[in-house]
């Protein structure tokens, strides 16, 4: 999980920053497990 602090009125910068972190974590998850499940 990516811990998220509640911000009732998030700024566009808040959204962009968390979105970038999410994509980074998603990519890391894929890279870590891809060879285990049949991908080169």
ModelCIF file with pLDDT and N, C-alpha, C, O atoms, coordinates in Angstrom:
data_MODEL
#
_entry.id   MODEL 
#
_entity.id                         1 
_entity.type                       polymer 
_entity.pdbx_number_of_molecules   1 
#
_entity_poly.entity_id                      1 
_entity_poly.type                           'polypeptide(L)' 
_entity_poly.nstd_linkage                   no 
_entity_poly.nstd_monomer                   no 
_entity_poly.pdbx_seq_one_letter_code       
;(UNK)(UNK)(UNK)(UNK)(UNK)(UNK)(UNK)(UNK)(UNK)(UNK)(UNK)(UNK)(UNK)(UNK)(UNK)(UNK)
(UNK)(UNK)(UNK)(UNK)(UNK)(UNK)(UNK)(UNK)(UNK)(UNK)(UNK)(UNK)(UNK)(UNK)(UNK)(UNK)
(UNK)(UNK)(UNK)(UNK)(UNK)(UNK)(UNK)(UNK)
;
_entity_poly.pdbx_seq_one_letter_code_can   XXXXXXXXXXXXXXXXXXXXXXXXXXXXXXXXXXXXXXXX 
_entity_poly.pdbx_strand_id                 A 
#
loop_
_entity_poly_seq.entity_id 
_entity_poly_seq.num 
_entity_poly_seq.mon_id 
_entity_poly_seq.hetero 
1 1  UNK n 
1 2  UNK n 
1 3  UNK n 
1 4  UNK n 
1 5  UNK n 
1 6  UNK n 
1 7  UNK n 
1 8  UNK n 
1 9  UNK n 
1 10 UNK n 
1 11 UNK n 
1 12 UNK n 
1 13 UNK n 
1 14 UNK n 
1 15 UNK n 
1 16 UNK n 
1 17 UNK n 
1 18 UNK n 
1 19 UNK n 
1 20 UNK n 
1 21 UNK n 
1 22 UNK n 
1 23 UNK n 
1 24 UNK n 
1 25 UNK n 
1 26 UNK n 
1 27 UNK n 
1 28 UNK n 
1 29 UNK n 
1 30 UNK n 
1 31 UNK n 
1 32 UNK n 
1 33 UNK n 
1 34 UNK n 
1 35 UNK n 
1 36 UNK n 
1 37 UNK n 
1 38 UNK n 
1 39 UNK n 
1 40 UNK n 
#
_struct_asym.id          A 
_struct_asym.entity_id   1 
#
loop_
_ma_qa_metric.id 
_ma_qa_metric.mode 
_ma_qa_metric.name 
_ma_qa_metric.software_group_id 
_ma_qa_metric.type 
1 global pLDDT . pLDDT 
2 local  pLDDT . pLDDT 
#
_ma_qa_metric_global.metric_id      1 
_ma_qa_metric_global.metric_value   97.05 
_ma_qa_metric_global.model_id       1 
_ma_qa_metric_global.ordinal_id     1 
#
loop_
_ma_qa_metric_local.label_asym_id 
_ma_qa_metric_local.label_comp_id 
_ma_qa_metric_local.label_seq_id 
_ma_qa_metric_local.metric_id 
_ma_qa_metric_local.metric_value 
_ma_qa_metric_local.model_id 
_ma_qa_metric_local.ordinal_id 
A UNK 1  2 98.00 1 1  
A UNK 2  2 98.00 1 2  
A UNK 3  2 98.00 1 3  
A UNK 4  2 97.00 1 4  
A UNK 5  2 95.00 1 5  
A UNK 6  2 95.00 1 6  
A UNK 7  2 95.00 1 7  
A UNK 8  2 93.00 1 8  
A UNK 9  2 95.00 1 9  
A UNK 10 2 96.00 1 10 
A UNK 11 2 97.00 1 11 
A UNK 12 2 96.00 1 12 
A UNK 13 2 97.00 1 13 
A UNK 14 2 97.00 1 14 
A UNK 15 2 98.00 1 15 
A UNK 16 2 98.00 1 16 
A UNK 17 2 98.00 1 17 
A UNK 18 2 98.00 1 18 
A UNK 19 2 98.00 1 19 
A UNK 20 2 98.00 1 20 
A UNK 21 2 98.00 1 21 
A UNK 22 2 98.00 1 22 
A UNK 23 2 98.00 1 23 
A UNK 24 2 98.00 1 24 
A UNK 25 2 98.00 1 25 
A UNK 26 2 98.00 1 26 
A UNK 27 2 98.00 1 27 
A UNK 28 2 98.00 1 28 
A UNK 29 2 98.00 1 29 
A UNK 30 2 98.00 1 30 
A UNK 31 2 98.00 1 31 
A UNK 32 2 98.00 1 32 
A UNK 33 2 98.00 1 33 
A UNK 34 2 98.00 1 34 
A UNK 35 2 97.00 1 35 
A UNK 36 2 97.00 1 36 
A UNK 37 2 96.00 1 37 
A UNK 38 2 93.00 1 38 
A UNK 39 2 96.00 1 39 
A UNK 40 2 96.00 1 40 
#
loop_
_atom_site.group_PDB 
_atom_site.id 
_atom_site.type_symbol 
_atom_site.label_atom_id 
_atom_site.label_alt_id 
_atom_site.label_comp_id 
_atom_site.label_asym_id 
_atom_site.label_entity_id 
_atom_site.label_seq_id 
_atom_site.pdbx_PDB_ins_code 
_atom_site.Cartn_x 
_atom_site.Cartn_y 
_atom_site.Cartn_z 
_atom_site.occupancy 
_atom_site.B_iso_or_equiv 
_atom_site.pdbx_formal_charge 
_atom_site.auth_seq_id 
_atom_site.auth_comp_id 
_atom_site.auth_asym_id 
_atom_site.auth_atom_id 
_atom_site.pdbx_PDB_model_num 
ATOM 1   N N  . UNK A 1 1  ? 0.816   -1.216  0.000   1.00 98.00 ? 1  UNK A N  1 
ATOM 2   C CA . UNK A 1 1  ? 0.000   0.000   0.000   1.00 98.00 ? 1  UNK A CA 1 
ATOM 3   C C  . UNK A 1 1  ? 0.848   1.264   0.000   1.00 98.00 ? 1  UNK A C  1 
ATOM 4   O O  . UNK A 1 1  ? 1.940   1.298   0.567   1.00 98.00 ? 1  UNK A O  1 
ATOM 5   N N  . UNK A 1 2  ? 0.330   2.291   -0.641  1.00 98.00 ? 2  UNK A N  1 
ATOM 6   C CA . UNK A 1 2  ? 0.929   3.624   -0.605  1.00 98.00 ? 2  UNK A CA 1 
ATOM 7   C C  . UNK A 1 2  ? 0.128   4.444   0.396   1.00 98.00 ? 2  UNK A C  1 
ATOM 8   O O  . UNK A 1 2  ? -1.029  4.764   0.120   1.00 98.00 ? 2  UNK A O  1 
ATOM 9   N N  . UNK A 1 3  ? 0.695   4.798   1.550   1.00 98.00 ? 3  UNK A N  1 
ATOM 10  C CA . UNK A 1 3  ? -0.054  5.574   2.549   1.00 98.00 ? 3  UNK A CA 1 
ATOM 11  C C  . UNK A 1 3  ? -0.470  6.934   1.988   1.00 98.00 ? 3  UNK A C  1 
ATOM 12  O O  . UNK A 1 3  ? 0.317   7.618   1.334   1.00 98.00 ? 3  UNK A O  1 
ATOM 13  N N  . UNK A 1 4  ? -1.708  7.308   2.254   1.00 97.00 ? 4  UNK A N  1 
ATOM 14  C CA . UNK A 1 4  ? -2.240  8.580   1.745   1.00 97.00 ? 4  UNK A CA 1 
ATOM 15  C C  . UNK A 1 4  ? -2.867  9.347   2.899   1.00 97.00 ? 4  UNK A C  1 
ATOM 16  O O  . UNK A 1 4  ? -3.723  8.819   3.609   1.00 97.00 ? 4  UNK A O  1 
ATOM 17  N N  . UNK A 1 5  ? -2.443  10.586  3.086   1.00 95.00 ? 5  UNK A N  1 
ATOM 18  C CA . UNK A 1 5  ? -3.031  11.450  4.092   1.00 95.00 ? 5  UNK A CA 1 
ATOM 19  C C  . UNK A 1 5  ? -4.239  12.178  3.502   1.00 95.00 ? 5  UNK A C  1 
ATOM 20  O O  . UNK A 1 5  ? -4.205  12.637  2.360   1.00 95.00 ? 5  UNK A O  1 
ATOM 21  N N  . UNK A 1 6  ? -5.287  12.272  4.286   1.00 95.00 ? 6  UNK A N  1 
ATOM 22  C CA . UNK A 1 6  ? -6.514  12.902  3.810   1.00 95.00 ? 6  UNK A CA 1 
ATOM 23  C C  . UNK A 1 6  ? -6.312  14.395  3.566   1.00 95.00 ? 6  UNK A C  1 
ATOM 24  O O  . UNK A 1 6  ? -5.797  15.117  4.421   1.00 95.00 ? 6  UNK A O  1 
ATOM 25  N N  . UNK A 1 7  ? -6.733  14.845  2.373   1.00 95.00 ? 7  UNK A N  1 
ATOM 26  C CA . UNK A 1 7  ? -6.713  16.258  2.004   1.00 95.00 ? 7  UNK A CA 1 
ATOM 27  C C  . UNK A 1 7  ? -8.043  16.570  1.333   1.00 95.00 ? 7  UNK A C  1 
ATOM 28  O O  . UNK A 1 7  ? -8.204  16.301  0.142   1.00 95.00 ? 7  UNK A O  1 
ATOM 29  N N  . UNK A 1 8  ? -9.003  17.133  2.071   1.00 93.00 ? 8  UNK A N  1 
ATOM 30  C CA . UNK A 1 8  ? -10.341 17.381  1.508   1.00 93.00 ? 8  UNK A CA 1 
ATOM 31  C C  . UNK A 1 8  ? -10.333 18.174  0.206   1.00 93.00 ? 8  UNK A C  1 
ATOM 32  O O  . UNK A 1 8  ? -11.227 18.012  -0.625  1.00 93.00 ? 8  UNK A O  1 
ATOM 33  N N  . UNK A 1 9  ? -9.328  19.031  0.025   1.00 95.00 ? 9  UNK A N  1 
ATOM 34  C CA . UNK A 1 9  ? -9.246  19.834  -1.206  1.00 95.00 ? 9  UNK A CA 1 
ATOM 35  C C  . UNK A 1 9  ? -7.838  19.709  -1.793  1.00 95.00 ? 9  UNK A C  1 
ATOM 36  O O  . UNK A 1 9  ? -7.044  20.646  -1.704  1.00 95.00 ? 9  UNK A O  1 
ATOM 37  N N  . UNK A 1 10 ? -7.528  18.560  -2.389  1.00 96.00 ? 10 UNK A N  1 
ATOM 38  C CA . UNK A 1 10 ? -6.171  18.366  -2.923  1.00 96.00 ? 10 UNK A CA 1 
ATOM 39  C C  . UNK A 1 10 ? -5.896  19.274  -4.109  1.00 96.00 ? 10 UNK A C  1 
ATOM 40  O O  . UNK A 1 10 ? -6.779  19.524  -4.930  1.00 96.00 ? 10 UNK A O  1 
ATOM 41  N N  . UNK A 1 11 ? -4.671  19.764  -4.196  1.00 97.00 ? 11 UNK A N  1 
ATOM 42  C CA . UNK A 1 11 ? -4.268  20.601  -5.319  1.00 97.00 ? 11 UNK A CA 1 
ATOM 43  C C  . UNK A 1 11 ? -3.873  19.718  -6.502  1.00 97.00 ? 11 UNK A C  1 
ATOM 44  O O  . UNK A 1 11 ? -3.687  18.510  -6.353  1.00 97.00 ? 11 UNK A O  1 
ATOM 45  N N  . UNK A 1 12 ? -3.749  20.331  -7.668  1.00 96.00 ? 12 UNK A N  1 
ATOM 46  C CA . UNK A 1 12 ? -3.322  19.574  -8.845  1.00 96.00 ? 12 UNK A CA 1 
ATOM 47  C C  . UNK A 1 12 ? -1.919  19.019  -8.646  1.00 96.00 ? 12 UNK A C  1 
ATOM 48  O O  . UNK A 1 12 ? -1.588  17.952  -9.164  1.00 96.00 ? 12 UNK A O  1 
ATOM 49  N N  . UNK A 1 13 ? -1.085  19.753  -7.884  1.00 97.00 ? 13 UNK A N  1 
ATOM 50  C CA . UNK A 1 13 ? 0.264   19.265  -7.600  1.00 97.00 ? 13 UNK A CA 1 
ATOM 51  C C  . UNK A 1 13 ? 0.216   18.015  -6.726  1.00 97.00 ? 13 UNK A C  1 
ATOM 52  O O  . UNK A 1 13 ? 1.005   17.090  -6.920  1.00 97.00 ? 13 UNK A O  1 
ATOM 53  N N  . UNK A 1 14 ? -0.709  17.986  -5.760  1.00 97.00 ? 14 UNK A N  1 
ATOM 54  C CA . UNK A 1 14 ? -0.882  16.804  -4.911  1.00 97.00 ? 14 UNK A CA 1 
ATOM 55  C C  . UNK A 1 14 ? -1.262  15.596  -5.757  1.00 97.00 ? 14 UNK A C  1 
ATOM 56  O O  . UNK A 1 14 ? -0.720  14.505  -5.580  1.00 97.00 ? 14 UNK A O  1 
ATOM 57  N N  . UNK A 1 15 ? -2.196  15.802  -6.673  1.00 98.00 ? 15 UNK A N  1 
ATOM 58  C CA . UNK A 1 15 ? -2.678  14.714  -7.518  1.00 98.00 ? 15 UNK A CA 1 
ATOM 59  C C  . UNK A 1 15 ? -1.555  14.197  -8.418  1.00 98.00 ? 15 UNK A C  1 
ATOM 60  O O  . UNK A 1 15 ? -1.353  12.990  -8.543  1.00 98.00 ? 15 UNK A O  1 
ATOM 61  N N  . UNK A 1 16 ? -0.828  15.129  -9.043  1.00 98.00 ? 16 UNK A N  1 
ATOM 62  C CA . UNK A 1 16 ? 0.252   14.746  -9.951  1.00 98.00 ? 16 UNK A CA 1 
ATOM 63  C C  . UNK A 1 16 ? 1.334   13.976  -9.222  1.00 98.00 ? 16 UNK A C  1 
ATOM 64  O O  . UNK A 1 16 ? 1.831   12.971  -9.729  1.00 98.00 ? 16 UNK A O  1 
ATOM 65  N N  . UNK A 1 17 ? 1.701   14.434  -8.043  1.00 98.00 ? 17 UNK A N  1 
ATOM 66  C CA . UNK A 1 17 ? 2.763   13.792  -7.277  1.00 98.00 ? 17 UNK A CA 1 
ATOM 67  C C  . UNK A 1 17 ? 2.383   12.369  -6.882  1.00 98.00 ? 17 UNK A C  1 
ATOM 68  O O  . UNK A 1 17 ? 3.187   11.446  -7.017  1.00 98.00 ? 17 UNK A O  1 
ATOM 69  N N  . UNK A 1 18 ? 1.155   12.194  -6.392  1.00 98.00 ? 18 UNK A N  1 
ATOM 70  C CA . UNK A 1 18 ? 0.721   10.861  -5.983  1.00 98.00 ? 18 UNK A CA 1 
ATOM 71  C C  . UNK A 1 18 ? 0.538   9.948   -7.196  1.00 98.00 ? 18 UNK A C  1 
ATOM 72  O O  . UNK A 1 18 ? 0.817   8.751   -7.124  1.00 98.00 ? 18 UNK A O  1 
ATOM 73  N N  . UNK A 1 19 ? 0.075   10.509  -8.299  1.00 98.00 ? 19 UNK A N  1 
ATOM 74  C CA . UNK A 1 19 ? -0.099  9.726   -9.517  1.00 98.00 ? 19 UNK A CA 1 
ATOM 75  C C  . UNK A 1 19 ? 1.246   9.197   -10.014 1.00 98.00 ? 19 UNK A C  1 
ATOM 76  O O  . UNK A 1 19 ? 1.347   8.035   -10.409 1.00 98.00 ? 19 UNK A O  1 
ATOM 77  N N  . UNK A 1 20 ? 2.272   10.035  -9.997  1.00 98.00 ? 20 UNK A N  1 
ATOM 78  C CA . UNK A 1 20 ? 3.607   9.605   -10.405 1.00 98.00 ? 20 UNK A CA 1 
ATOM 79  C C  . UNK A 1 20 ? 4.134   8.504   -9.493  1.00 98.00 ? 20 UNK A C  1 
ATOM 80  O O  . UNK A 1 20 ? 4.726   7.533   -9.963  1.00 98.00 ? 20 UNK A O  1 
ATOM 81  N N  . UNK A 1 21 ? 3.918   8.657   -8.191  1.00 98.00 ? 21 UNK A N  1 
ATOM 82  C CA . UNK A 1 21 ? 4.361   7.636   -7.245  1.00 98.00 ? 21 UNK A CA 1 
ATOM 83  C C  . UNK A 1 21 ? 3.629   6.328   -7.487  1.00 98.00 ? 21 UNK A C  1 
ATOM 84  O O  . UNK A 1 21 ? 4.230   5.255   -7.425  1.00 98.00 ? 21 UNK A O  1 
ATOM 85  N N  . UNK A 1 22 ? 2.329   6.413   -7.764  1.00 98.00 ? 22 UNK A N  1 
ATOM 86  C CA . UNK A 1 22 ? 1.546   5.205   -8.027  1.00 98.00 ? 22 UNK A CA 1 
ATOM 87  C C  . UNK A 1 22 ? 2.073   4.466   -9.250  1.00 98.00 ? 22 UNK A C  1 
ATOM 88  O O  . UNK A 1 22 ? 2.242   3.247   -9.209  1.00 98.00 ? 22 UNK A O  1 
ATOM 89  N N  . UNK A 1 23 ? 2.337   5.192   -10.340 1.00 98.00 ? 23 UNK A N  1 
ATOM 90  C CA . UNK A 1 23 ? 2.847   4.554   -11.550 1.00 98.00 ? 23 UNK A CA 1 
ATOM 91  C C  . UNK A 1 23 ? 4.223   3.936   -11.308 1.00 98.00 ? 23 UNK A C  1 
ATOM 92  O O  . UNK A 1 23 ? 4.541   2.884   -11.862 1.00 98.00 ? 23 UNK A O  1 
ATOM 93  N N  . UNK A 1 24 ? 5.024   4.583   -10.490 1.00 98.00 ? 24 UNK A N  1 
ATOM 94  C CA . UNK A 1 24 ? 6.340   4.035   -10.158 1.00 98.00 ? 24 UNK A CA 1 
ATOM 95  C C  . UNK A 1 24 ? 6.195   2.717   -9.396  1.00 98.00 ? 24 UNK A C  1 
ATOM 96  O O  . UNK A 1 24 ? 6.884   1.742   -9.696  1.00 98.00 ? 24 UNK A O  1 
ATOM 97  N N  . UNK A 1 25 ? 5.297   2.692   -8.409  1.00 98.00 ? 25 UNK A N  1 
ATOM 98  C CA . UNK A 1 25 ? 5.086   1.471   -7.627  1.00 98.00 ? 25 UNK A CA 1 
ATOM 99  C C  . UNK A 1 25 ? 4.483   0.351   -8.476  1.00 98.00 ? 25 UNK A C  1 
ATOM 100 O O  . UNK A 1 25 ? 4.820   -0.819  -8.293  1.00 98.00 ? 25 UNK A O  1 
ATOM 101 N N  . UNK A 1 26 ? 3.600   0.707   -9.394  1.00 98.00 ? 26 UNK A N  1 
ATOM 102 C CA . UNK A 1 26 ? 3.011   -0.285  -10.284 1.00 98.00 ? 26 UNK A CA 1 
ATOM 103 C C  . UNK A 1 26 ? 4.079   -0.897  -11.178 1.00 98.00 ? 26 UNK A C  1 
ATOM 104 O O  . UNK A 1 26 ? 4.112   -2.113  -11.367 1.00 98.00 ? 26 UNK A O  1 
ATOM 105 N N  . UNK A 1 27 ? 4.945   -0.064  -11.724 1.00 98.00 ? 27 UNK A N  1 
ATOM 106 C CA . UNK A 1 27 ? 6.029   -0.544  -12.581 1.00 98.00 ? 27 UNK A CA 1 
ATOM 107 C C  . UNK A 1 27 ? 6.976   -1.446  -11.794 1.00 98.00 ? 27 UNK A C  1 
ATOM 108 O O  . UNK A 1 27 ? 7.414   -2.480  -12.298 1.00 98.00 ? 27 UNK A O  1 
ATOM 109 N N  . UNK A 1 28 ? 7.291   -1.057  -10.564 1.00 98.00 ? 28 UNK A N  1 
ATOM 110 C CA . UNK A 1 28 ? 8.178   -1.868  -9.725  1.00 98.00 ? 28 UNK A CA 1 
ATOM 111 C C  . UNK A 1 28 ? 7.549   -3.228  -9.412  1.00 98.00 ? 28 UNK A C  1 
ATOM 112 O O  . UNK A 1 28 ? 8.241   -4.246  -9.402  1.00 98.00 ? 28 UNK A O  1 
ATOM 113 N N  . UNK A 1 29 ? 6.260   -3.244  -9.163  1.00 98.00 ? 29 UNK A N  1 
ATOM 114 C CA . UNK A 1 29 ? 5.562   -4.495  -8.893  1.00 98.00 ? 29 UNK A CA 1 
ATOM 115 C C  . UNK A 1 29 ? 5.647   -5.424  -10.092 1.00 98.00 ? 29 UNK A C  1 
ATOM 116 O O  . UNK A 1 29 ? 5.924   -6.614  -9.944  1.00 98.00 ? 29 UNK A O  1 
ATOM 117 N N  . UNK A 1 30 ? 5.407   -4.877  -11.284 1.00 98.00 ? 30 UNK A N  1 
ATOM 118 C CA . UNK A 1 30 ? 5.483   -5.670  -12.505 1.00 98.00 ? 30 UNK A CA 1 
ATOM 119 C C  . UNK A 1 30 ? 6.891   -6.211  -12.727 1.00 98.00 ? 30 UNK A C  1 
ATOM 120 O O  . UNK A 1 30 ? 7.065   -7.400  -12.994 1.00 98.00 ? 30 UNK A O  1 
ATOM 121 N N  . UNK A 1 31 ? 7.890   -5.350  -12.620 1.00 98.00 ? 31 UNK A N  1 
ATOM 122 C CA . UNK A 1 31 ? 9.265   -5.752  -12.869 1.00 98.00 ? 31 UNK A CA 1 
ATOM 123 C C  . UNK A 1 31 ? 9.726   -6.826  -11.893 1.00 98.00 ? 31 UNK A C  1 
ATOM 124 O O  . UNK A 1 31 ? 10.488  -7.717  -12.266 1.00 98.00 ? 31 UNK A O  1 
ATOM 125 N N  . UNK A 1 32 ? 9.274   -6.751  -10.662 1.00 98.00 ? 32 UNK A N  1 
ATOM 126 C CA . UNK A 1 32 ? 9.696   -7.702  -9.640  1.00 98.00 ? 32 UNK A CA 1 
ATOM 127 C C  . UNK A 1 32 ? 9.150   -9.100  -9.895  1.00 98.00 ? 32 UNK A C  1 
ATOM 128 O O  . UNK A 1 32 ? 9.815   -10.084 -9.573  1.00 98.00 ? 32 UNK A O  1 
ATOM 129 N N  . UNK A 1 33 ? 7.960   -9.207  -10.464 1.00 98.00 ? 33 UNK A N  1 
ATOM 130 C CA . UNK A 1 33 ? 7.292   -10.506 -10.570 1.00 98.00 ? 33 UNK A CA 1 
ATOM 131 C C  . UNK A 1 33 ? 7.176   -11.045 -11.995 1.00 98.00 ? 33 UNK A C  1 
ATOM 132 O O  . UNK A 1 33 ? 6.752   -12.187 -12.175 1.00 98.00 ? 33 UNK A O  1 
ATOM 133 N N  . UNK A 1 34 ? 7.536   -10.270 -13.002 1.00 98.00 ? 34 UNK A N  1 
ATOM 134 C CA . UNK A 1 34 ? 7.249   -10.668 -14.386 1.00 98.00 ? 34 UNK A CA 1 
ATOM 135 C C  . UNK A 1 34 ? 7.900   -11.985 -14.794 1.00 98.00 ? 34 UNK A C  1 
ATOM 136 O O  . UNK A 1 34 ? 7.245   -12.804 -15.439 1.00 98.00 ? 34 UNK A O  1 
ATOM 137 N N  . UNK A 1 35 ? 9.165   -12.220 -14.444 1.00 97.00 ? 35 UNK A N  1 
ATOM 138 C CA . UNK A 1 35 ? 9.828   -13.462 -14.871 1.00 97.00 ? 35 UNK A CA 1 
ATOM 139 C C  . UNK A 1 35 ? 9.247   -14.679 -14.154 1.00 97.00 ? 35 UNK A C  1 
ATOM 140 O O  . UNK A 1 35 ? 9.262   -15.791 -14.682 1.00 97.00 ? 35 UNK A O  1 
ATOM 141 N N  . UNK A 1 36 ? 8.735   -14.452 -12.947 1.00 97.00 ? 36 UNK A N  1 
ATOM 142 C CA . UNK A 1 36 ? 8.133   -15.549 -12.181 1.00 97.00 ? 36 UNK A CA 1 
ATOM 143 C C  . UNK A 1 36 ? 6.857   -16.063 -12.841 1.00 97.00 ? 36 UNK A C  1 
ATOM 144 O O  . UNK A 1 36 ? 6.479   -17.220 -12.659 1.00 97.00 ? 36 UNK A O  1 
ATOM 145 N N  . UNK A 1 37 ? 6.199   -15.201 -13.604 1.00 96.00 ? 37 UNK A N  1 
ATOM 146 C CA . UNK A 1 37 ? 4.918   -15.577 -14.212 1.00 96.00 ? 37 UNK A CA 1 
ATOM 147 C C  . UNK A 1 37 ? 4.968   -15.566 -15.738 1.00 96.00 ? 37 UNK A C  1 
ATOM 148 O O  . UNK A 1 37 ? 3.984   -15.238 -16.402 1.00 96.00 ? 37 UNK A O  1 
ATOM 149 N N  . UNK A 1 38 ? 6.116   -15.925 -16.275 1.00 93.00 ? 38 UNK A N  1 
ATOM 150 C CA . UNK A 1 38 ? 6.199   -16.267 -17.688 1.00 93.00 ? 38 UNK A CA 1 
ATOM 151 C C  . UNK A 1 38 ? 6.591   -15.187 -18.663 1.00 93.00 ? 38 UNK A C  1 
ATOM 152 O O  . UNK A 1 38 ? 6.538   -15.413 -19.872 1.00 93.00 ? 38 UNK A O  1 
ATOM 153 N N  . UNK A 1 39 ? 6.989   -14.006 -18.181 1.00 96.00 ? 39 UNK A N  1 
ATOM 154 C CA . UNK A 1 39 ? 7.399   -12.931 -19.083 1.00 96.00 ? 39 UNK A CA 1 
ATOM 155 C C  . UNK A 1 39 ? 8.914   -12.784 -19.074 1.00 96.00 ? 39 UNK A C  1 
ATOM 156 O O  . UNK A 1 39 ? 9.561   -12.974 -18.044 1.00 96.00 ? 39 UNK A O  1 
ATOM 157 N N  . UNK A 1 40 ? 9.472   -12.445 -20.225 1.00 96.00 ? 40 UNK A N  1 
ATOM 158 C CA . UNK A 1 40 ? 10.904  -12.285 -20.338 1.00 96.00 ? 40 UNK A CA 1 
ATOM 159 C C  . UNK A 1 40 ? 11.403  -11.004 -19.703 1.00 96.00 ? 40 UNK A C  1 
ATOM 160 O O  . UNK A 1 40 ? 12.604  -10.733 -19.721 1.00 96.00 ? 40 UNK A O  1 
#
